[in-house]
Protein backbone atom coordinates (compact mmCIF):
# COMPACT_ATOMS: atom_id res chain seq x y z
CA UNK A 1 -50.67 22.50 -0.82
CA UNK A 2 -46.96 23.12 -0.75
CA UNK A 3 -44.85 20.33 -2.22
CA UNK A 4 -42.44 18.99 0.35
CA UNK A 5 -38.89 18.45 -0.75
CA UNK A 6 -38.09 14.83 0.05
CA UNK A 7 -34.40 14.73 -0.76
CA UNK A 8 -31.76 15.03 1.91
CA UNK A 9 -30.68 18.57 2.64
CA UNK A 10 -26.94 18.55 2.04
CA UNK A 11 -24.31 21.19 2.46
CA UNK A 12 -22.84 21.92 -0.97
CA UNK A 13 -19.37 20.42 -1.43
CA UNK A 14 -16.75 23.08 -0.90
CA UNK A 15 -14.02 21.71 -3.12
CA UNK A 16 -10.66 23.41 -3.20
CA UNK A 17 -9.64 25.13 -6.41
CA UNK A 18 -6.18 23.57 -6.18
CA UNK A 19 -5.32 21.09 -8.89
CA UNK A 20 -5.88 17.56 -7.67
CA UNK A 21 -2.78 16.47 -9.55
CA UNK A 22 -0.38 19.17 -8.35
CA UNK A 23 2.54 17.45 -6.65
CA UNK A 24 5.24 19.58 -5.12
CA UNK A 25 8.87 18.68 -5.68
CA UNK A 26 11.26 18.55 -2.75
CA UNK A 27 14.98 18.20 -2.46
CA UNK A 28 16.48 14.89 -1.39
CA UNK A 29 17.07 14.97 2.35
CA UNK A 30 20.64 14.48 3.48
CA UNK A 31 19.91 11.33 5.47
CA UNK A 32 17.54 9.66 3.01
CA UNK A 33 18.16 7.21 0.21
CA UNK A 34 15.57 6.73 -2.52
CA UNK A 35 15.67 3.20 -3.93
CA UNK A 36 14.04 2.58 -7.29
CA UNK A 37 13.25 -1.08 -7.97
CA UNK A 38 12.89 -2.07 -11.63
CA UNK A 39 12.95 -5.10 -13.92
CA UNK A 40 13.03 -6.01 -17.59
CA UNK A 41 9.51 -7.50 -17.25
CA UNK A 42 7.53 -4.62 -15.70
CA UNK A 43 4.19 -6.28 -16.48
CA UNK A 44 5.14 -8.94 -13.94
CA UNK A 45 7.27 -6.96 -11.52
CA UNK A 46 6.06 -3.38 -11.54
CA UNK A 47 8.52 -0.60 -10.86
CA UNK A 48 8.45 0.97 -7.41
CA UNK A 49 10.28 3.64 -5.48
CA UNK A 50 10.78 3.91 -1.72
CA UNK A 51 12.67 6.18 0.62
CA UNK A 52 14.67 4.77 3.53
CA UNK A 53 16.65 6.47 6.26
CA UNK A 54 20.40 5.89 6.31
CA UNK A 55 20.15 5.46 10.06
CA UNK A 56 18.43 2.13 9.42
CA UNK A 57 21.69 0.81 8.02
CA UNK A 58 20.15 -1.71 5.63
CA UNK A 59 17.57 -1.86 2.87
CA UNK A 60 15.95 -4.96 1.41
CA UNK A 61 14.71 -5.26 -2.17
CA UNK A 62 12.07 -7.94 -2.77
CA UNK A 63 10.26 -9.11 -5.89
CA UNK A 64 6.90 -10.78 -5.15
CA UNK A 65 4.63 -12.80 -7.45
CA UNK A 66 1.51 -14.98 -7.35
CA UNK A 67 0.87 -17.77 -9.88
CA UNK A 68 -2.13 -19.77 -8.60
CA UNK A 69 -2.10 -23.49 -9.53
CA UNK A 70 1.43 -23.31 -11.00
CA UNK A 71 4.69 -24.53 -9.46
CA UNK A 72 7.91 -22.81 -10.49
CA UNK A 73 10.42 -25.19 -12.12
CA UNK A 74 13.37 -22.96 -12.89
CA UNK A 75 14.58 -19.38 -13.09
CA UNK A 76 17.67 -17.46 -14.15
CA UNK A 77 18.44 -13.82 -13.46
CA UNK A 78 20.97 -11.04 -12.97
CA UNK A 79 20.35 -8.39 -10.30
CA UNK A 80 22.39 -5.19 -10.60
CA UNK A 81 22.93 -2.34 -8.14
CA UNK A 82 25.06 0.77 -7.78
CA UNK A 83 28.15 0.32 -5.60
CA UNK A 84 28.23 4.02 -4.72
CA UNK A 85 25.04 3.67 -2.68
CA UNK A 86 24.68 -0.01 -1.79
CA UNK A 87 26.86 -2.86 -0.58
CA UNK A 88 25.84 -6.51 -0.52
CA UNK A 89 25.17 -7.57 3.10
CA UNK A 90 27.28 -10.63 3.87
CA UNK A 91 26.15 -11.19 7.46
CA UNK A 92 25.20 -14.77 8.24
CA UNK A 93 21.42 -15.26 8.41
CA UNK A 94 20.63 -12.32 6.14
CA UNK A 95 21.26 -13.23 2.49
CA UNK A 96 22.75 -16.61 3.31
CA UNK A 97 22.72 -19.15 6.13
CA UNK A 98 26.09 -20.79 6.63
CA UNK A 99 26.91 -19.97 3.00
CA UNK A 100 23.63 -21.43 1.70
CA UNK A 101 21.96 -18.68 -0.30
CA UNK A 102 18.59 -17.40 0.86
CA UNK A 103 18.18 -14.97 -2.03
CA UNK A 104 15.84 -17.09 -4.19
CA UNK A 105 13.10 -17.20 -1.61
CA UNK A 106 10.66 -19.18 -3.76
CA UNK A 107 13.19 -22.05 -3.85
CA UNK A 108 13.17 -22.45 -0.05
CA UNK A 109 11.05 -25.23 1.43
CA UNK A 110 9.28 -24.98 4.77
CA UNK A 111 12.42 -26.00 6.63
CA UNK A 112 14.53 -23.36 4.88
CA UNK A 113 16.38 -25.83 2.67
CA UNK A 114 17.07 -25.18 -0.99
CA UNK A 115 17.33 -27.51 -3.96
CA UNK A 116 19.14 -26.82 -7.22
CA UNK A 117 20.06 -23.24 -6.32
CA UNK A 118 23.21 -21.46 -7.45
CA UNK A 119 23.92 -17.83 -6.58
CA UNK A 120 27.07 -15.80 -7.28
CA UNK A 121 27.18 -12.51 -5.40
CA UNK A 122 30.41 -11.33 -7.06
CA UNK A 123 30.50 -12.69 -10.60
CA UNK A 124 33.74 -12.39 -12.59
CA UNK A 125 32.12 -10.22 -15.21
CA UNK A 126 31.49 -7.51 -12.59
CA UNK A 127 34.52 -7.85 -10.30
CA UNK A 128 36.38 -4.97 -11.88
CA UNK A 129 33.30 -2.82 -12.31
CA UNK A 130 33.60 -0.01 -9.77
CA UNK A 131 30.19 1.41 -10.65
CA UNK A 132 27.83 -1.55 -10.90
CA UNK A 133 27.61 -4.58 -8.66
CA UNK A 134 25.73 -7.72 -9.63
CA UNK A 135 24.24 -10.93 -8.30
CA UNK A 136 23.69 -13.80 -10.70
CA UNK A 137 21.45 -16.71 -9.81
CA UNK A 138 19.55 -19.68 -11.11
CA UNK A 139 17.48 -22.51 -9.70
CA UNK A 140 16.16 -25.77 -11.18
CA UNK A 141 13.82 -28.39 -9.78
CA UNK A 142 12.36 -30.00 -12.89
CA UNK A 143 11.17 -33.15 -11.14
CA UNK A 144 9.15 -31.82 -8.22
CA UNK A 145 9.04 -28.08 -8.85
CA UNK A 146 9.07 -25.40 -6.18
CA UNK A 147 5.79 -25.07 -4.27
CA UNK A 148 4.37 -21.77 -5.51
CA UNK A 149 0.89 -22.94 -6.50
CA UNK A 150 -1.16 -21.52 -3.62
CA UNK A 151 -3.20 -18.43 -4.42
CA UNK A 152 -1.08 -16.12 -2.31
CA UNK A 153 1.86 -13.87 -2.93
CA UNK A 154 5.34 -15.41 -2.75
CA UNK A 155 8.70 -13.72 -2.60
CA UNK A 156 10.68 -14.62 -5.72
CA UNK A 157 14.04 -13.10 -4.85
CA UNK A 158 15.05 -10.82 -2.00
CA UNK A 159 18.40 -9.16 -1.34
CA UNK A 160 19.49 -7.06 1.63
CA UNK A 161 22.07 -4.30 1.15
CA UNK A 162 23.96 -2.03 3.49
CA UNK A 163 23.22 1.62 2.72
CA UNK A 164 26.29 3.79 2.06
CA UNK A 165 25.14 7.32 1.21
CA UNK A 166 22.12 9.50 0.62
CA UNK A 167 20.73 10.17 -2.81
CA UNK A 168 18.84 8.09 -5.36
CA UNK A 169 19.76 4.68 -6.72
CA UNK A 170 18.28 1.83 -8.75
CA UNK A 171 18.23 -1.91 -8.27
CA UNK A 172 17.38 -3.72 -11.50
CA UNK A 173 16.33 -7.33 -12.09
CA UNK A 174 17.14 -8.80 -15.48
CA UNK A 175 15.09 -11.98 -15.63
CA UNK A 176 16.22 -14.44 -18.32
CA UNK A 177 14.02 -17.48 -17.68
CA UNK A 178 11.11 -18.35 -15.43
CA UNK A 179 9.37 -21.68 -16.12
CA UNK A 180 6.35 -23.35 -14.49
CA UNK A 181 4.22 -26.48 -14.51
CA UNK A 182 0.50 -26.64 -13.78
CA UNK A 183 -0.33 -28.65 -10.69
CA UNK A 184 -2.38 -31.11 -12.77
CA UNK A 185 0.40 -31.73 -15.34
CA UNK A 186 2.58 -34.82 -15.26
CA UNK A 187 6.15 -34.44 -13.94
CA UNK A 188 7.47 -35.35 -17.37
CA UNK A 189 5.52 -32.59 -19.12
CA UNK A 190 7.30 -29.66 -20.73
CA UNK A 191 7.51 -26.46 -18.69
CA UNK A 192 5.31 -23.49 -19.46
CA UNK A 193 7.42 -20.37 -19.61
CA UNK A 194 6.28 -17.09 -18.17
CA UNK A 195 9.63 -15.55 -19.09
CA UNK A 196 11.95 -16.91 -21.76
CA UNK A 197 14.73 -15.21 -23.66
CA UNK A 198 14.29 -12.30 -21.24
CA UNK A 199 10.75 -11.64 -22.54
CA UNK A 200 7.34 -12.13 -20.99
CA UNK A 201 5.65 -14.96 -22.91
CA UNK A 202 2.00 -14.58 -23.91
CA UNK A 203 -0.55 -16.97 -25.41
CA UNK A 204 -2.58 -16.55 -28.58
CA UNK A 205 -5.02 -14.26 -26.74
CA UNK A 206 -2.18 -11.96 -25.65
CA UNK A 207 -2.49 -13.11 -22.05
CA UNK A 208 0.52 -14.22 -19.99
CA UNK A 209 1.28 -17.88 -20.68
CA UNK A 210 1.26 -18.45 -16.92
CA UNK A 211 -1.58 -16.50 -15.24
CA UNK A 212 -0.47 -14.30 -12.34
CA UNK A 213 -2.34 -12.08 -9.92
CA UNK A 214 -1.42 -8.51 -10.76
CA UNK A 215 -2.04 -7.09 -7.29
CA UNK A 216 0.25 -9.73 -5.75
CA UNK A 217 3.06 -9.28 -8.27
CA UNK A 218 5.17 -6.27 -7.43
CA UNK A 219 8.45 -4.93 -6.11
CA UNK A 220 9.39 -3.12 -2.93
CA UNK A 221 12.36 -1.65 -1.08
CA UNK A 222 12.10 -1.35 2.68
CA UNK A 223 14.36 -0.80 5.68
CA UNK A 224 15.78 -3.79 7.51
CA UNK A 225 16.13 -7.42 6.46
CA UNK A 226 13.70 -9.66 4.60
CA UNK A 227 10.16 -9.44 5.98
CA UNK A 228 7.76 -12.02 4.63
CA UNK A 229 4.76 -10.09 5.96
CA UNK A 230 5.81 -6.71 4.60
CA UNK A 231 3.08 -4.97 2.60
CA UNK A 232 4.36 -1.96 0.69
CA UNK A 233 2.49 1.28 1.15
CA UNK A 234 3.31 4.70 -0.21
CA UNK A 235 1.78 8.10 0.55
CA UNK A 236 0.07 9.58 -2.49
CA UNK A 237 -0.71 13.30 -2.44
CA UNK A 238 -2.75 12.95 -5.63
CA UNK A 239 -5.50 11.22 -3.66
CA UNK A 240 -7.29 14.10 -1.96
CA UNK A 241 -10.12 13.58 0.49
CA UNK A 242 -13.08 15.96 0.19
CA UNK A 243 -16.13 16.00 2.44
CA UNK A 244 -19.75 17.06 2.78
CA UNK A 245 -22.25 17.21 5.61
CA UNK A 246 -25.80 15.85 5.43
CA UNK A 247 -28.18 17.71 7.73
CA UNK A 248 -30.47 15.39 9.63
CA UNK A 249 -31.38 14.57 13.21
CA UNK A 250 -28.15 12.57 13.30
CA UNK A 251 -25.48 14.17 11.16
CA UNK A 252 -23.76 12.24 8.39
CA UNK A 253 -20.34 13.03 6.95
CA UNK A 254 -19.55 11.80 3.46
CA UNK A 255 -15.96 11.66 2.30
CA UNK A 256 -15.26 11.86 -1.43
CA UNK A 257 -12.29 10.87 -3.54
CA UNK A 258 -12.17 11.73 -7.22
CA UNK A 259 -12.32 8.53 -9.21
CA UNK A 260 -9.70 9.65 -11.71
CA UNK A 261 -7.20 10.12 -8.86
CA UNK A 262 -7.43 6.34 -8.36
CA UNK A 263 -6.81 5.39 -11.98
CA UNK A 264 -5.29 1.92 -12.16
CA UNK A 265 -6.11 1.24 -8.51
CA UNK A 266 -8.51 -1.26 -6.98
CA UNK A 267 -10.36 -1.88 -3.71
CA UNK A 268 -10.54 1.69 -2.34
CA UNK A 269 -11.64 2.11 1.26
CA UNK A 270 -11.19 4.57 4.11
CA UNK A 271 -10.57 4.34 7.81
CA UNK A 272 -12.06 6.86 10.24
CA UNK A 273 -10.13 7.06 13.51
CA UNK A 274 -10.72 9.17 16.61
CA UNK A 275 -8.92 8.75 19.94
CA UNK A 276 -10.61 10.35 22.92
CA UNK A 277 -8.29 12.04 25.39
CA UNK A 278 -10.42 11.04 28.39
CA UNK A 279 -12.41 7.89 27.66
CA UNK A 280 -11.13 5.04 25.44
CA UNK A 281 -14.68 3.72 25.11
CA UNK A 282 -15.43 6.77 22.96
CA UNK A 283 -12.67 5.96 20.50
CA UNK A 284 -13.68 5.48 16.86
CA UNK A 285 -11.96 3.10 14.45
CA UNK A 286 -14.12 2.29 11.43
CA UNK A 287 -13.40 0.91 8.00
CA UNK A 288 -15.80 2.13 5.30
CA UNK A 289 -16.07 0.91 1.71
CA UNK A 290 -17.28 3.33 -0.92
CA UNK A 291 -19.67 3.44 -3.83
CA UNK A 292 -19.35 5.24 -7.12
CA UNK A 293 -21.35 8.46 -7.45
CA UNK A 294 -21.46 11.34 -9.91
CA UNK A 295 -21.80 14.97 -8.87
CA UNK A 296 -22.11 17.40 -11.71
CA UNK A 297 -19.80 15.99 -14.35
CA UNK A 298 -17.28 14.48 -11.93
CA UNK A 299 -17.13 10.86 -10.80
CA UNK A 300 -16.25 10.11 -7.19
CA UNK A 301 -15.98 7.31 -4.69
CA UNK A 302 -18.21 8.24 -1.75
CA UNK A 303 -17.61 6.88 1.77
CA UNK A 304 -20.48 7.53 4.18
CA UNK A 305 -19.89 7.91 7.91
CA UNK A 306 -23.32 7.88 9.57
CA UNK A 307 -24.63 8.98 12.89
CA UNK A 308 -22.41 11.79 14.17
CA UNK A 309 -23.98 12.53 17.54
CA UNK A 310 -24.50 16.28 18.16
CA UNK A 311 -22.24 16.24 21.23
CA UNK A 312 -19.48 14.75 19.06
CA UNK A 313 -19.44 17.50 16.43
CA UNK A 314 -16.19 18.67 18.01
CA UNK A 315 -14.39 15.38 17.26
CA UNK A 316 -11.60 15.57 14.70
CA UNK A 317 -11.22 12.36 12.73
CA UNK A 318 -8.09 11.07 11.07
CA UNK A 319 -9.43 9.91 7.70
CA UNK A 320 -7.17 7.76 5.54
CA UNK A 321 -8.01 6.51 2.07
CA UNK A 322 -6.33 3.35 0.77
CA UNK A 323 -6.25 1.79 -2.71
CA UNK A 324 -4.25 -1.03 -4.25
CA UNK A 325 -2.13 -0.46 -7.33
CA UNK A 326 -0.26 -3.53 -8.50
CA UNK A 327 0.09 -4.77 -4.95
CA UNK A 328 1.32 -1.43 -3.61
CA UNK A 329 -1.01 0.28 -1.15
CA UNK A 330 -1.39 3.97 -1.99
CA UNK A 331 -2.81 6.15 0.75
CA UNK A 332 -3.39 9.68 1.88
CA UNK A 333 -4.56 11.08 5.20
CA UNK A 334 -6.55 14.17 6.17
CA UNK A 335 -8.03 15.60 9.35
CA UNK A 336 -11.80 16.00 9.05
CA UNK A 337 -14.68 16.84 11.36
CA UNK A 338 -17.98 18.65 11.65
CA UNK A 339 -16.43 21.53 13.61
CA UNK A 340 -13.67 22.22 11.08
CA UNK A 341 -16.18 21.82 8.24
CA UNK A 342 -18.57 24.41 9.68
CA UNK A 343 -15.97 26.94 10.74
CA UNK A 344 -14.29 26.52 7.37
CA UNK A 345 -17.57 27.49 5.71
CA UNK A 346 -17.70 30.92 7.33
CA UNK A 347 -16.20 33.41 4.92
CA UNK A 348 -16.32 30.98 2.01
CA UNK A 349 -19.85 29.64 1.60
CA UNK A 350 -23.03 31.53 0.73
CA UNK A 351 -24.00 33.67 3.74
CA UNK A 352 -27.49 32.15 3.63
CA UNK A 353 -25.90 29.07 5.22
CA UNK A 354 -24.61 31.00 8.22
CA UNK A 355 -27.74 30.69 10.40
CA UNK A 356 -27.71 26.90 9.97
CA UNK A 357 -24.00 26.79 10.77
CA UNK A 358 -24.53 28.82 13.95
CA UNK A 359 -27.55 26.71 14.92
CA UNK A 360 -25.55 23.50 14.44
CA UNK A 361 -22.80 24.83 16.69
CA UNK A 362 -25.35 25.83 19.34
CA UNK A 363 -27.01 22.41 19.04
CA UNK A 364 -23.69 20.62 19.46
CA UNK A 365 -22.65 22.74 22.43
CA UNK A 366 -25.93 22.18 24.26
CA UNK A 367 -25.57 18.44 23.66
CA UNK A 368 -21.99 18.50 24.99
CA UNK A 369 -23.21 20.06 28.24
CA UNK A 370 -26.16 17.68 28.57
CA UNK A 371 -24.08 14.57 27.84
CA UNK A 372 -21.05 15.96 29.76
CA UNK A 373 -18.87 15.36 26.71
CA UNK A 374 -15.89 17.72 26.82
CA UNK A 375 -18.32 20.29 28.17
CA UNK A 376 -15.45 22.62 29.07
CA UNK A 377 -14.73 23.20 25.36
CA UNK A 378 -18.12 23.75 23.68
CA UNK A 379 -18.06 23.71 19.91
CA UNK A 380 -19.69 27.15 19.62
CA UNK A 381 -16.95 28.87 21.67
CA UNK A 382 -15.23 30.02 18.48
CA UNK A 383 -18.22 32.16 17.54
CA UNK A 384 -17.40 34.74 20.22
CA UNK A 385 -14.40 35.97 18.30
CA UNK A 386 -16.12 36.20 14.91
CA UNK A 387 -17.24 39.82 15.03
CA UNK A 388 -18.09 39.88 11.33
CA UNK A 389 -21.02 37.51 11.90
CA UNK A 390 -21.99 38.73 15.38
CA UNK A 391 -25.41 39.79 14.09
CA UNK A 392 -26.13 36.25 12.91
CA UNK A 393 -24.91 34.77 16.19
CA UNK A 394 -27.12 37.16 18.19
CA UNK A 395 -30.16 36.49 16.00
CA UNK A 396 -29.87 32.71 16.38
CA UNK A 397 -29.37 33.02 20.12
CA UNK A 398 -32.54 35.13 20.32
CA UNK A 399 -34.47 32.46 18.39
CA UNK A 400 -33.62 29.94 21.09
CA UNK A 401 -34.59 32.33 23.89
CA UNK A 402 -37.93 33.23 22.27
CA UNK A 403 -38.81 29.80 20.88
CA UNK A 404 -42.37 28.56 20.95
CA UNK A 405 -43.38 25.00 20.10
CA UNK A 406 -46.65 23.23 19.34
CA UNK A 407 -47.51 19.84 20.79
CA UNK A 408 -48.95 17.51 18.10
CA UNK A 409 -48.76 14.44 20.32
CA UNK A 410 -51.78 12.11 20.46
CA UNK A 411 -51.78 8.88 22.45
CA UNK A 412 -54.56 7.58 20.23
CA UNK A 413 -55.44 9.03 16.84
CA UNK A 414 -59.24 9.05 16.91
CA UNK A 415 -60.35 11.23 14.03
CA UNK A 416 -58.40 9.92 11.04
CA UNK A 417 -60.06 7.34 8.75
CA UNK A 418 -56.64 5.94 7.80
CA UNK A 419 -56.15 4.55 11.30
CA UNK A 420 -58.42 2.12 13.16
CA UNK A 421 -59.47 2.70 16.77
CA UNK A 422 -59.84 -0.26 19.17
CA UNK A 423 -61.69 -0.21 22.46
CA UNK A 424 -59.55 -3.11 23.71
CA UNK A 425 -56.49 -3.34 21.46
CA UNK A 426 -54.37 -6.50 21.54
CA UNK A 427 -51.26 -4.35 21.95
CA UNK A 428 -51.42 -1.31 24.22
CA UNK A 429 -49.52 1.95 24.28
CA UNK A 430 -46.45 2.18 26.52
CA UNK A 431 -44.97 5.61 25.81
CA UNK A 432 -43.06 7.67 23.25
CA UNK A 433 -40.10 10.02 23.54
CA UNK A 434 -37.07 11.46 21.83
CA UNK A 435 -34.04 9.48 23.02
CA UNK A 436 -30.45 10.71 23.08
CA UNK A 437 -28.49 7.48 22.86
CA UNK A 438 -25.89 6.24 20.39
CA UNK A 439 -28.14 7.92 17.84
CA UNK A 440 -30.98 10.37 18.38
CA UNK A 441 -34.27 8.64 17.68
CA UNK A 442 -37.95 8.54 18.46
CA UNK A 443 -38.63 5.56 20.71
CA UNK A 444 -42.15 4.11 20.62
CA UNK A 445 -43.00 1.73 23.50
CA UNK A 446 -45.77 -0.86 23.50
CA UNK A 447 -47.05 -3.62 25.76
CA UNK A 448 -47.90 -7.15 24.61
CA UNK A 449 -49.79 -9.64 26.74
CA UNK A 450 -47.77 -12.42 28.39
CA UNK A 451 -49.41 -15.07 26.22
CA UNK A 452 -48.78 -13.25 22.95
CA UNK A 453 -45.96 -14.27 20.64
CA UNK A 454 -44.20 -11.41 18.86
CA UNK A 455 -43.18 -13.59 15.89
CA UNK A 456 -44.51 -11.98 12.74
CA UNK A 457 -45.45 -8.75 14.47
CA UNK A 458 -44.34 -5.44 13.00
CA UNK A 459 -44.48 -1.75 13.77
CA UNK A 460 -45.49 0.53 10.92
CA UNK A 461 -43.93 3.98 11.15
CA UNK A 462 -45.50 6.56 8.83
CA UNK A 463 -43.98 10.03 8.56
CA UNK A 464 -46.11 12.81 7.05
CA UNK A 465 -45.45 16.46 6.41
CA UNK A 466 -47.36 18.74 8.76
CA UNK A 467 -50.06 21.02 7.38
CA UNK A 468 -51.27 23.05 10.37
CA UNK A 469 -51.48 19.99 12.57
CA UNK A 470 -52.94 17.68 9.92
CA UNK A 471 -51.01 15.05 8.03
CA UNK A 472 -50.24 16.03 4.46
CA UNK A 473 -47.80 14.23 2.18
CA UNK A 474 -46.35 10.83 3.11
CA UNK A 475 -42.61 11.45 3.40
CA UNK A 476 -41.42 8.04 4.56
CA UNK A 477 -42.78 4.74 5.76
CA UNK A 478 -40.86 1.97 7.51
CA UNK A 479 -41.96 -1.47 8.58
CA UNK A 480 -39.93 -2.58 11.59
CA UNK A 481 -40.05 -6.36 12.05
CA UNK A 482 -40.03 -8.18 15.38
CA UNK A 483 -36.37 -9.13 15.11
CA UNK A 484 -35.64 -5.42 15.57
CA UNK A 485 -37.88 -5.01 18.63
CA UNK A 486 -36.00 -3.88 21.75
CA UNK A 487 -37.01 -4.22 25.39
CA UNK A 488 -36.86 -1.90 28.39
CA UNK A 489 -38.76 -1.97 31.70
CA UNK A 490 -40.90 -4.93 30.56
CA UNK A 491 -41.96 -3.09 27.43
CA UNK A 492 -41.08 -3.55 23.79
CA UNK A 493 -39.98 -0.57 21.76
CA UNK A 494 -38.72 0.43 18.33
CA UNK A 495 -36.52 3.34 17.29
CA UNK A 496 -37.06 5.64 14.34
CA UNK A 497 -34.34 8.09 13.26
CA UNK A 498 -34.91 8.76 9.55
CA UNK A 499 -35.91 12.42 9.87
CA UNK A 500 -33.98 15.15 8.11
CA UNK A 501 -33.21 18.56 9.55
CA UNK A 502 -36.20 20.33 7.99
CA UNK A 503 -38.69 17.73 9.27
CA UNK A 504 -38.71 18.48 13.00
CA UNK A 505 -42.46 19.15 13.00
CA UNK A 506 -43.37 16.27 10.67
CA UNK A 507 -46.06 14.01 12.12
CA UNK A 508 -44.91 10.46 12.83
CA UNK A 509 -47.52 7.71 13.34
CA UNK A 510 -46.79 4.39 15.07
CA UNK A 511 -49.04 1.33 14.63
CA UNK A 512 -48.39 -2.29 15.64
CA UNK A 513 -49.38 -4.88 12.99
CA UNK A 514 -49.86 -8.63 13.15
CA UNK A 515 -48.26 -11.18 10.83
CA UNK A 516 -50.92 -10.44 8.20
CA UNK A 517 -50.26 -6.69 8.38
CA UNK A 518 -53.51 -6.01 10.19
CA UNK A 519 -53.45 -3.31 12.91
CA UNK A 520 -53.58 -4.70 16.46
CA UNK A 521 -52.96 -1.46 18.32
CA UNK A 522 -54.27 2.04 18.27
CA UNK A 523 -52.10 4.55 16.42
CA UNK A 524 -49.96 7.08 18.30
CA UNK A 525 -48.81 10.38 16.78
CA UNK A 526 -45.63 12.22 17.71
CA UNK A 527 -43.10 14.74 16.40
CA UNK A 528 -39.78 16.23 17.44
CA UNK A 529 -41.58 19.53 18.02
CA UNK A 530 -44.02 17.72 20.33
CA UNK A 531 -41.11 16.53 22.46
CA UNK A 532 -39.77 20.08 22.67
CA UNK A 533 -43.17 21.54 23.57
CA UNK A 534 -43.65 18.95 26.30
CA UNK A 535 -40.24 19.58 27.84
CA UNK A 536 -40.61 23.37 27.70
CA UNK A 537 -43.71 23.11 29.89
CA UNK A 538 -41.91 21.14 32.59
CA UNK A 539 -42.50 22.79 35.97
CA UNK A 540 -39.41 23.36 38.12
CA UNK A 541 -37.10 21.25 35.95
CA UNK A 542 -33.96 19.74 37.45
CA UNK A 543 -30.54 20.80 36.20
CA UNK A 544 -30.40 17.73 33.98
CA UNK A 545 -33.86 18.36 32.50
CA UNK A 546 -32.98 22.04 31.97
CA UNK A 547 -29.92 20.96 30.00
CA UNK A 548 -32.08 18.57 27.98
CA UNK A 549 -34.54 21.39 27.26
CA UNK A 550 -31.64 23.52 25.98
CA UNK A 551 -30.66 20.71 23.60
CA UNK A 552 -34.18 20.22 22.31
CA UNK A 553 -34.78 23.94 21.80
CA UNK A 554 -31.53 24.11 19.82
CA UNK A 555 -32.70 21.13 17.72
CA UNK A 556 -35.93 22.89 16.82
CA UNK A 557 -34.23 26.20 15.94
CA UNK A 558 -31.78 24.24 13.77
CA UNK A 559 -34.73 22.50 12.06
CA UNK A 560 -36.58 25.76 11.52
CA UNK A 561 -33.52 27.29 9.85
CA UNK A 562 -33.26 24.26 7.59
CA UNK A 563 -36.92 24.71 6.56
CA UNK A 564 -36.33 28.36 5.79
CA UNK A 565 -33.26 27.46 3.75
CA UNK A 566 -35.23 25.22 1.39
CA UNK A 567 -38.18 27.61 1.25
CA UNK A 568 -40.88 25.65 3.06
């Protein structure tokens, strides 16, 4: 008896040979200004760099922090900038309101009032300095403190400048003092310093004396005036998105990001977006969180996008990966899809994959026509111009034309000791078919008497490999509970879609069980090949049924190629 391979059949990852860490250098554009934001306490306020367009006219530099349970009592700083590139914006309502400074944002109360704040935007020590401009400031509220205790990011200081010329410049914060008091401490208690003498203060365990949330403590430069809701994000070409395709009844795309490209980053996730040109209801906008996996000797984050319908193989998704590094969102975007994946494999992958690739394209095209999904641009249209694989294309087309299929369907399994037979079962058979809905699945229908309660009922689905029409090795078994029962035309039904590409002739058995797991129905047997055989024998099929037959024949040819690929 041949051992059946039970793992998913996956297309081998076709990773580019380019270095993941190769970043190309580019000249500074004439109308762009790169603003580097730094500080003397980079553990608290991490350095950042942003590019803004001179056409925006202004750029704002903000330093954010988050100190849960601690109120800020005082601070003292000097902020320097380069006069060649930046000029302090003196418009009312930007950095000040009727000459009241708005720069120390954490010292503003809910009504916009400040207490104990002094800011000098043109200190004497810098008046004659034609190169460097400076802003000196301090704030003190020893009695009540400034309300910074909530576990959320707060803007510490924020300054808006007018942009003067393109190039690259730096804004630097020199923080002298930053003192706090825990919310439970008495007003008369001594402050706890996070920064004192221009140094970050740490406790005996080498932790900051005032705990702060790293991902909410950062710097940013951005166009326009102060924006409390601004979340910095920077494109990062080091984060490359790779992909693979899992071959099953419903295709699955997995997107991979090398773990070491996210060093120092947290909370990685991706978004998968597709906008349909004709029907907004077909749009896709999904957020997917990953899991750590190892392939070979390389660690990745894997993000699984399940259930790509065959008619939607032509969709091109905009895939964006995001990760947080010290409060700055790093991201990169790539265009991915089944069509580009398959066509990209021709000429690069092992030629033994080519029949499966062609079969997938034929399968997708037939489904497009049947579901009337962009049927005027079938996914296999590109094969006509690929003369170097014309023999493969012709051979796979001939397989569809000459296909034969065996019907293994049994309404009631009578001759198998593993399944009971009832003369008058409590639950009766209502039908079985292969359904082309949101996902492709086997639907098993059953009828329950009006007086029967479905609570506790289950449907056992047992999938076996097929040995000349007899069940062989158990490949999968699912117990579908009553909370997953569906209804249609006064019947209950369950859906089963766990089959892989090489299992199209596997035998699938459906049995209804009671709350004690005892059978209360006869067992029905079905297979994908049974569906195809039944449809192929339809007399005088309508146009719609003919299109469905084309889809199902393409499914079976695709499955047969997958079986050949793994040597069954």
